């Protein structure tokens, strides 16, 4: 879903995992992003994200989405992607 080139743009924008979070990181960021995209693309409720896809739970993905939104990840990614688009003349 998220190819290597796109991931290379996104990964450096993600904030580090909070040090005070209890327990281990629940799922790799790339898998979590794929879970977020799956939920949004399929227009399903977070709790309906199938665990067997390996993206983590819907709640885990939603928490990451919230944390990344608050950190401005998507605004920065949007600006980067706009910079890559060549004007059509």
C-alpha atoms as a PDB file:
ATOM      1  CA  UNK A   1       0.000   0.000   0.000  1.00  0.00           C
ATOM      2  CA  UNK A   2       2.673   2.523   0.998  1.00  0.00           C
ATOM      3  CA  UNK A   3       5.556   2.055  -1.410  1.00  0.00           C
ATOM      4  CA  UNK A   4       9.181   2.563  -0.406  1.00  0.00           C
ATOM      5  CA  UNK A   5       9.554   5.952  -2.111  1.00  0.00           C
ATOM      6  CA  UNK A   6       6.528   7.406  -0.341  1.00  0.00           C
ATOM      7  CA  UNK A   7       7.608   5.895   2.969  1.00  0.00           C
ATOM      8  CA  UNK A   8      11.024   7.554   2.614  1.00  0.00           C
ATOM      9  CA  UNK A   9       9.209  10.921   2.524  1.00  0.00           C
ATOM     10  CA  UNK A  10       6.859  10.142   5.411  1.00  0.00           C
ATOM     11  CA  UNK A  11       9.075   8.357   7.939  1.00  0.00           C
ATOM     12  CA  UNK A  12      11.333  11.334   8.809  1.00  0.00           C
ATOM     13  CA  UNK A  13       8.244  13.458   9.512  1.00  0.00           C
ATOM     14  CA  UNK A  14       6.870  11.138  12.187  1.00  0.00           C
ATOM     15  CA  UNK A  15       7.485  12.146  15.782  1.00  0.00           C
ATOM     16  CA  UNK A  16       9.452   9.732  17.969  1.00  0.00           C
ATOM     17  CA  UNK A  17       7.494   7.271  20.050  1.00  0.00           C
ATOM     18  CA  UNK A  18       6.596   8.901  23.406  1.00  0.00           C
ATOM     19  CA  UNK A  19       9.119   7.807  26.045  1.00  0.00           C
ATOM     20  CA  UNK A  20       6.523   7.658  28.785  1.00  0.00           C
ATOM     21  CA  UNK A  21       4.159   5.352  26.908  1.00  0.00           C
ATOM     22  CA  UNK A  22       3.546   2.143  28.832  1.00  0.00           C
ATOM     23  CA  UNK A  23       4.635  -1.053  27.136  1.00  0.00           C
ATOM     24  CA  UNK A  24       6.249  -1.580  23.758  1.00  0.00           C
ATOM     25  CA  UNK A  25       5.271   0.248  20.598  1.00  0.00           C
ATOM     26  CA  UNK A  26       2.054  -1.528  19.546  1.00  0.00           C
ATOM     27  CA  UNK A  27       2.750  -1.769  15.797  1.00  0.00           C
ATOM     28  CA  UNK A  28       5.320  -0.450  13.339  1.00  0.00           C
ATOM     29  CA  UNK A  29       4.545   3.051  12.068  1.00  0.00           C
ATOM     30  CA  UNK A  30       4.435   1.936   8.431  1.00  0.00           C
ATOM     31  CA  UNK A  31       1.893  -0.784   9.196  1.00  0.00           C
ATOM     32  CA  UNK A  32      -0.116   1.644  11.284  1.00  0.00           C
ATOM     33  CA  UNK A  33      -0.186   4.131   8.393  1.00  0.00           C
ATOM     34  CA  UNK A  34      -1.404   1.355   6.110  1.00  0.00           C
ATOM     35  CA  UNK A  35      -4.171   0.617   8.625  1.00  0.00           C
ATOM     36  CA  UNK A  36      -5.168   4.299   8.667  1.00  0.00           C
ATOM     37  CA  UNK A  37      -5.281   4.364   4.862  1.00  0.00           C
ATOM     38  CA  UNK A  38      -7.296   1.129   4.813  1.00  0.00           C
ATOM     39  CA  UNK A  39      -9.922   2.571   7.170  1.00  0.00           C
ATOM     40  CA  UNK A  40     -10.157   5.840   5.242  1.00  0.00           C
ATOM     41  CA  UNK A  41     -10.172   4.201   1.793  1.00  0.00           C
ATOM     42  CA  UNK A  42     -12.839   1.666   2.757  1.00  0.00           C
ATOM     43  CA  UNK A  43     -14.861   4.183   4.786  1.00  0.00           C
ATOM     44  CA  UNK A  44     -15.236   1.851   7.747  1.00  0.00           C
ATOM     45  CA  UNK A  45     -15.371   2.510  11.467  1.00  0.00           C
ATOM     46  CA  UNK A  46     -12.047   2.234  13.288  1.00  0.00           C
ATOM     47  CA  UNK A  47     -13.264  -0.705  15.359  1.00  0.00           C
ATOM     48  CA  UNK A  48     -13.984  -2.649  12.139  1.00  0.00           C
ATOM     49  CA  UNK A  49     -10.347  -2.696  11.002  1.00  0.00           C
ATOM     50  CA  UNK A  50      -9.647  -6.443  10.649  1.00  0.00           C
ATOM     51  CA  UNK A  51      -6.824  -7.545  12.970  1.00  0.00           C
ATOM     52  CA  UNK A  52      -5.844 -10.301  10.548  1.00  0.00           C
ATOM     53  CA  UNK A  53      -4.531  -7.648   8.120  1.00  0.00           C
ATOM     54  CA  UNK A  54      -1.657  -7.036  10.549  1.00  0.00           C
ATOM     55  CA  UNK A  55      -2.112  -3.261  10.843  1.00  0.00           C
ATOM     56  CA  UNK A  56      -2.898  -3.356  14.544  1.00  0.00           C
ATOM     57  CA  UNK A  57      -6.232  -2.474  16.058  1.00  0.00           C
ATOM     58  CA  UNK A  58      -8.384   0.375  14.845  1.00  0.00           C
ATOM     59  CA  UNK A  59      -7.839   2.086  18.191  1.00  0.00           C
ATOM     60  CA  UNK A  60      -4.059   1.848  17.795  1.00  0.00           C
ATOM     61  CA  UNK A  61      -4.216   3.282  14.283  1.00  0.00           C
ATOM     62  CA  UNK A  62      -6.586   6.054  15.374  1.00  0.00           C
ATOM     63  CA  UNK A  63      -4.262   7.038  18.240  1.00  0.00           C
ATOM     64  CA  UNK A  64      -1.326   7.260  15.843  1.00  0.00           C
ATOM     65  CA  UNK A  65      -3.381   9.321  13.414  1.00  0.00           C
ATOM     66  CA  UNK A  66      -4.322  11.711  16.215  1.00  0.00           C
ATOM     67  CA  UNK A  67      -0.720  11.992  17.420  1.00  0.00           C
ATOM     68  CA  UNK A  68       0.585  12.570  13.890  1.00  0.00           C
ATOM     69  CA  UNK A  69      -2.101  15.171  13.155  1.00  0.00           C
ATOM     70  CA  UNK A  70      -1.188  17.070  16.323  1.00  0.00           C
ATOM     71  CA  UNK A  71       2.494  16.946  15.322  1.00  0.00           C
ATOM     72  CA  UNK A  72       1.680  18.480  11.915  1.00  0.00           C
ATOM     73  CA  UNK A  73       2.904  15.457   9.956  1.00  0.00           C
ATOM     74  CA  UNK A  74       0.236  15.636   7.271  1.00  0.00           C
ATOM     75  CA  UNK A  75       0.572  19.381   6.735  1.00  0.00           C
ATOM     76  CA  UNK A  76       4.318  18.985   6.230  1.00  0.00           C
ATOM     77  CA  UNK A  77       3.842  15.978   3.946  1.00  0.00           C
ATOM     78  CA  UNK A  78       1.319  17.945   1.889  1.00  0.00           C
ATOM     79  CA  UNK A  79       3.833  20.766   1.386  1.00  0.00           C
ATOM     80  CA  UNK A  80       6.550  18.278   0.398  1.00  0.00           C
ATOM     81  CA  UNK A  81       4.297  16.551  -2.117  1.00  0.00           C
ATOM     82  CA  UNK A  82       3.206  19.873  -3.603  1.00  0.00           C
ATOM     83  CA  UNK A  83       6.869  20.738  -4.093  1.00  0.00           C
ATOM     84  CA  UNK A  84       7.375  17.546  -6.084  1.00  0.00           C
ATOM     85  CA  UNK A  85       4.526  18.251  -8.476  1.00  0.00           C
ATOM     86  CA  UNK A  86       5.628  19.978 -11.646  1.00  0.00           C
ATOM     87  CA  UNK A  87       3.327  22.662 -12.999  1.00  0.00           C
ATOM     88  CA  UNK A  88       1.490  21.586 -16.130  1.00  0.00           C
ATOM     89  CA  UNK A  89       2.071  24.014 -18.977  1.00  0.00           C
END
